[in-house]
Amino acid sequence: MDNEVYLPRLIDKQVALELESFGAVCIEGAKWCGKTWTSRHHSNSALYLGDPSGNFQNRELMNLAPEVALDGKVPRLIDEWQEVPSV
């Protein structure tokens, strides 16, 4: 994704390395520490499950049709994926 104001982080090299080896990378940490920004920097598409627009329609779509919600350019950011534990 295009992040014009992204500031490089120490974890960037590790995330890039892990993405070369695995189909998914889970980035965990404290609230407001830059997890989403880092993930956006390394992704080509995104789905935001915590987005309240449309009455959380992305979360509902993930519950009803995960194959549709997961469709997108890879690597794909699934932000707040823990909101739908079945994924």
N, C-alpha and C. Protein backbone atom coordinates (compact mmCIF):
# COMPACT_ATOMS: atom_id res chain seq x y z
N MET A 1 0.84 -1.18 0.00
CA MET A 1 0.00 0.00 0.00
C MET A 1 0.88 1.24 0.00
N ASP A 2 0.34 2.32 -0.43
CA ASP A 2 1.09 3.57 -0.51
C ASP A 2 0.95 4.34 0.80
N ASN A 3 2.00 4.36 1.58
CA ASN A 3 2.01 5.08 2.86
C ASN A 3 3.05 6.20 2.77
N GLU A 4 2.64 7.34 2.29
CA GLU A 4 3.57 8.44 2.06
C GLU A 4 4.25 8.93 3.34
N VAL A 5 3.59 8.82 4.47
CA VAL A 5 4.15 9.34 5.71
C VAL A 5 4.65 8.22 6.63
N TYR A 6 4.85 7.05 6.10
CA TYR A 6 5.31 5.93 6.91
C TYR A 6 6.75 6.14 7.36
N LEU A 7 6.98 5.96 8.64
CA LEU A 7 8.33 6.05 9.19
C LEU A 7 8.85 4.63 9.39
N PRO A 8 9.99 4.29 8.81
CA PRO A 8 10.51 2.93 8.94
C PRO A 8 10.68 2.53 10.40
N ARG A 9 10.43 1.24 10.65
CA ARG A 9 10.52 0.69 11.99
C ARG A 9 11.53 -0.45 12.03
N LEU A 10 12.04 -0.75 13.21
CA LEU A 10 13.01 -1.82 13.36
C LEU A 10 12.45 -3.17 12.90
N ILE A 11 11.17 -3.38 13.04
CA ILE A 11 10.55 -4.67 12.74
C ILE A 11 10.35 -4.90 11.24
N ASP A 12 10.51 -3.88 10.41
CA ASP A 12 10.22 -4.00 8.98
C ASP A 12 10.97 -5.13 8.29
N LYS A 13 12.26 -5.26 8.56
CA LYS A 13 13.04 -6.31 7.90
C LYS A 13 12.55 -7.69 8.30
N GLN A 14 12.18 -7.86 9.58
CA GLN A 14 11.69 -9.15 10.04
C GLN A 14 10.34 -9.49 9.41
N VAL A 15 9.45 -8.52 9.32
CA VAL A 15 8.14 -8.74 8.69
C VAL A 15 8.33 -9.14 7.23
N ALA A 16 9.19 -8.44 6.51
CA ALA A 16 9.45 -8.76 5.10
C ALA A 16 10.00 -10.18 4.96
N LEU A 17 10.90 -10.56 5.82
CA LEU A 17 11.48 -11.90 5.80
C LEU A 17 10.42 -12.96 6.08
N GLU A 18 9.58 -12.73 7.07
CA GLU A 18 8.52 -13.68 7.41
C GLU A 18 7.51 -13.81 6.27
N LEU A 19 7.19 -12.71 5.61
CA LEU A 19 6.23 -12.77 4.50
C LEU A 19 6.78 -13.58 3.32
N GLU A 20 8.08 -13.61 3.16
CA GLU A 20 8.68 -14.42 2.11
C GLU A 20 8.55 -15.91 2.41
N SER A 21 8.47 -16.28 3.69
CA SER A 21 8.49 -17.67 4.10
C SER A 21 7.11 -18.25 4.42
N PHE A 22 6.20 -17.42 4.90
CA PHE A 22 4.91 -17.91 5.38
C PHE A 22 3.75 -17.22 4.67
N GLY A 23 2.59 -17.82 4.74
CA GLY A 23 1.40 -17.25 4.11
C GLY A 23 0.76 -16.15 4.93
N ALA A 24 1.12 -16.05 6.21
CA ALA A 24 0.53 -15.03 7.07
C ALA A 24 1.51 -14.65 8.17
N VAL A 25 1.39 -13.43 8.63
CA VAL A 25 2.20 -12.93 9.74
C VAL A 25 1.25 -12.24 10.72
N CYS A 26 1.33 -12.61 11.98
CA CYS A 26 0.52 -11.98 13.02
C CYS A 26 1.38 -10.97 13.75
N ILE A 27 0.96 -9.72 13.74
CA ILE A 27 1.69 -8.67 14.43
C ILE A 27 0.88 -8.28 15.66
N GLU A 28 1.46 -8.50 16.83
CA GLU A 28 0.79 -8.21 18.09
C GLU A 28 1.56 -7.16 18.88
N GLY A 29 0.84 -6.43 19.71
CA GLY A 29 1.50 -5.45 20.55
C GLY A 29 0.48 -4.58 21.25
N ALA A 30 1.00 -3.63 22.01
CA ALA A 30 0.14 -2.72 22.77
C ALA A 30 -0.68 -1.84 21.82
N LYS A 31 -1.77 -1.32 22.35
CA LYS A 31 -2.63 -0.43 21.56
C LYS A 31 -1.85 0.83 21.18
N TRP A 32 -2.06 1.31 19.97
CA TRP A 32 -1.46 2.55 19.46
C TRP A 32 0.06 2.49 19.34
N CYS A 33 0.63 1.32 19.05
CA CYS A 33 2.09 1.23 18.92
C CYS A 33 2.55 1.16 17.46
N GLY A 34 1.61 1.17 16.50
CA GLY A 34 1.99 1.19 15.09
C GLY A 34 1.79 -0.12 14.35
N LYS A 35 1.05 -1.06 14.93
CA LYS A 35 0.83 -2.35 14.28
C LYS A 35 0.14 -2.21 12.93
N THR A 36 -0.91 -1.42 12.89
CA THR A 36 -1.66 -1.26 11.64
C THR A 36 -0.82 -0.54 10.59
N TRP A 37 -0.10 0.51 10.97
CA TRP A 37 0.75 1.23 10.02
C TRP A 37 1.82 0.32 9.44
N THR A 38 2.44 -0.48 10.30
CA THR A 38 3.46 -1.42 9.83
C THR A 38 2.84 -2.44 8.89
N SER A 39 1.70 -2.96 9.27
CA SER A 39 1.01 -3.94 8.43
C SER A 39 0.60 -3.35 7.08
N ARG A 40 0.08 -2.13 7.10
CA ARG A 40 -0.30 -1.47 5.85
C ARG A 40 0.91 -1.29 4.93
N HIS A 41 2.04 -0.97 5.54
CA HIS A 41 3.26 -0.76 4.76
C HIS A 41 3.66 -2.03 3.99
N HIS A 42 3.40 -3.18 4.57
CA HIS A 42 3.82 -4.44 3.97
C HIS A 42 2.70 -5.14 3.19
N SER A 43 1.54 -4.52 3.05
CA SER A 43 0.42 -5.16 2.39
C SER A 43 0.07 -4.48 1.07
N ASN A 44 -0.65 -5.23 0.23
CA ASN A 44 -1.11 -4.69 -1.05
C ASN A 44 -2.61 -4.45 -1.07
N SER A 45 -3.31 -4.92 -0.04
CA SER A 45 -4.74 -4.67 0.12
C SER A 45 -5.08 -4.83 1.59
N ALA A 46 -6.24 -4.35 1.98
CA ALA A 46 -6.59 -4.38 3.40
C ALA A 46 -8.09 -4.55 3.61
N LEU A 47 -8.41 -5.18 4.72
CA LEU A 47 -9.79 -5.32 5.19
C LEU A 47 -9.76 -4.95 6.67
N TYR A 48 -10.57 -3.96 7.05
CA TYR A 48 -10.57 -3.45 8.41
C TYR A 48 -11.84 -3.94 9.12
N LEU A 49 -11.70 -4.98 9.95
CA LEU A 49 -12.86 -5.57 10.63
C LEU A 49 -13.39 -4.68 11.75
N GLY A 50 -12.57 -3.80 12.28
CA GLY A 50 -13.00 -2.90 13.34
C GLY A 50 -13.60 -1.60 12.84
N ASP A 51 -13.76 -1.47 11.53
CA ASP A 51 -14.31 -0.24 10.94
C ASP A 51 -15.81 -0.18 11.20
N PRO A 52 -16.28 0.85 11.91
CA PRO A 52 -17.70 0.92 12.25
C PRO A 52 -18.61 1.35 11.09
N SER A 53 -18.05 1.76 9.95
CA SER A 53 -18.90 2.21 8.85
C SER A 53 -19.78 1.07 8.36
N GLY A 54 -20.99 1.42 7.97
CA GLY A 54 -21.93 0.41 7.48
C GLY A 54 -22.29 -0.60 8.56
N ASN A 55 -22.31 -0.14 9.82
CA ASN A 55 -22.65 -1.02 10.94
C ASN A 55 -21.75 -2.25 10.99
N PHE A 56 -20.45 -2.01 10.85
CA PHE A 56 -19.43 -3.07 10.88
C PHE A 56 -19.67 -4.11 9.78
N GLN A 57 -19.93 -3.62 8.58
CA GLN A 57 -20.24 -4.53 7.47
C GLN A 57 -19.08 -5.45 7.11
N ASN A 58 -17.83 -5.00 7.27
CA ASN A 58 -16.69 -5.88 6.96
C ASN A 58 -16.65 -7.09 7.90
N ARG A 59 -16.94 -6.85 9.18
CA ARG A 59 -16.96 -7.94 10.15
C ARG A 59 -18.07 -8.93 9.81
N GLU A 60 -19.23 -8.39 9.45
CA GLU A 60 -20.36 -9.26 9.10
C GLU A 60 -20.06 -10.05 7.83
N LEU A 61 -19.43 -9.40 6.85
CA LEU A 61 -19.05 -10.10 5.62
C LEU A 61 -18.08 -11.23 5.93
N MET A 62 -17.13 -11.00 6.82
CA MET A 62 -16.17 -12.04 7.19
C MET A 62 -16.88 -13.22 7.85
N ASN A 63 -17.91 -12.95 8.65
CA ASN A 63 -18.68 -14.02 9.28
C ASN A 63 -19.48 -14.81 8.27
N LEU A 64 -20.09 -14.11 7.32
CA LEU A 64 -20.99 -14.76 6.37
C LEU A 64 -20.29 -15.39 5.17
N ALA A 65 -19.28 -14.73 4.66
CA ALA A 65 -18.61 -15.21 3.44
C ALA A 65 -17.12 -14.89 3.50
N PRO A 66 -16.36 -15.64 4.30
CA PRO A 66 -14.94 -15.32 4.44
C PRO A 66 -14.17 -15.40 3.13
N GLU A 67 -14.60 -16.25 2.21
CA GLU A 67 -13.90 -16.35 0.92
C GLU A 67 -13.99 -15.05 0.14
N VAL A 68 -15.08 -14.33 0.29
CA VAL A 68 -15.24 -13.04 -0.37
C VAL A 68 -14.41 -11.97 0.34
N ALA A 69 -14.47 -11.98 1.67
CA ALA A 69 -13.74 -10.99 2.45
C ALA A 69 -12.24 -11.13 2.31
N LEU A 70 -11.77 -12.34 2.11
CA LEU A 70 -10.33 -12.58 2.00
C LEU A 70 -9.81 -12.34 0.58
N ASP A 71 -10.71 -12.12 -0.36
CA ASP A 71 -10.30 -11.89 -1.75
C ASP A 71 -9.68 -10.51 -1.89
N GLY A 72 -8.45 -10.46 -2.36
CA GLY A 72 -7.74 -9.19 -2.55
C GLY A 72 -6.29 -9.46 -2.86
N LYS A 73 -5.59 -8.42 -3.25
CA LYS A 73 -4.17 -8.57 -3.55
C LYS A 73 -3.41 -9.00 -2.30
N VAL A 74 -2.47 -9.88 -2.49
CA VAL A 74 -1.66 -10.35 -1.36
C VAL A 74 -0.30 -9.66 -1.36
N PRO A 75 0.32 -9.49 -0.22
CA PRO A 75 -0.20 -9.80 1.10
C PRO A 75 -1.37 -8.89 1.45
N ARG A 76 -2.35 -9.47 2.16
CA ARG A 76 -3.58 -8.76 2.52
C ARG A 76 -3.62 -8.53 4.02
N LEU A 77 -3.83 -7.31 4.41
CA LEU A 77 -3.95 -6.95 5.82
C LEU A 77 -5.38 -7.24 6.27
N ILE A 78 -5.52 -8.05 7.31
CA ILE A 78 -6.82 -8.28 7.96
C ILE A 78 -6.67 -7.64 9.34
N ASP A 79 -7.09 -6.38 9.45
CA ASP A 79 -6.91 -5.64 10.70
C ASP A 79 -8.01 -5.99 11.68
N GLU A 80 -7.61 -6.21 12.94
CA GLU A 80 -8.52 -6.62 14.02
C GLU A 80 -9.15 -7.98 13.71
N TRP A 81 -8.34 -8.90 13.17
CA TRP A 81 -8.82 -10.23 12.80
C TRP A 81 -9.39 -10.98 14.00
N GLN A 82 -8.98 -10.66 15.21
CA GLN A 82 -9.49 -11.35 16.39
C GLN A 82 -10.98 -11.07 16.61
N GLU A 83 -11.53 -10.09 15.91
CA GLU A 83 -12.97 -9.79 16.01
C GLU A 83 -13.81 -10.92 15.43
N VAL A 84 -13.20 -11.75 14.59
CA VAL A 84 -13.90 -12.91 14.00
C VAL A 84 -13.02 -14.13 14.27
N PRO A 85 -13.12 -14.70 15.46
CA PRO A 85 -12.22 -15.79 15.87
C PRO A 85 -12.23 -17.00 14.92
N SER A 86 -13.32 -17.24 14.22
CA SER A 86 -13.38 -18.40 13.34
C SER A 86 -12.40 -18.30 12.17
N VAL A 87 -11.94 -17.10 11.86
CA VAL A 87 -10.98 -16.92 10.79
C VAL A 87 -9.64 -17.46 11.23
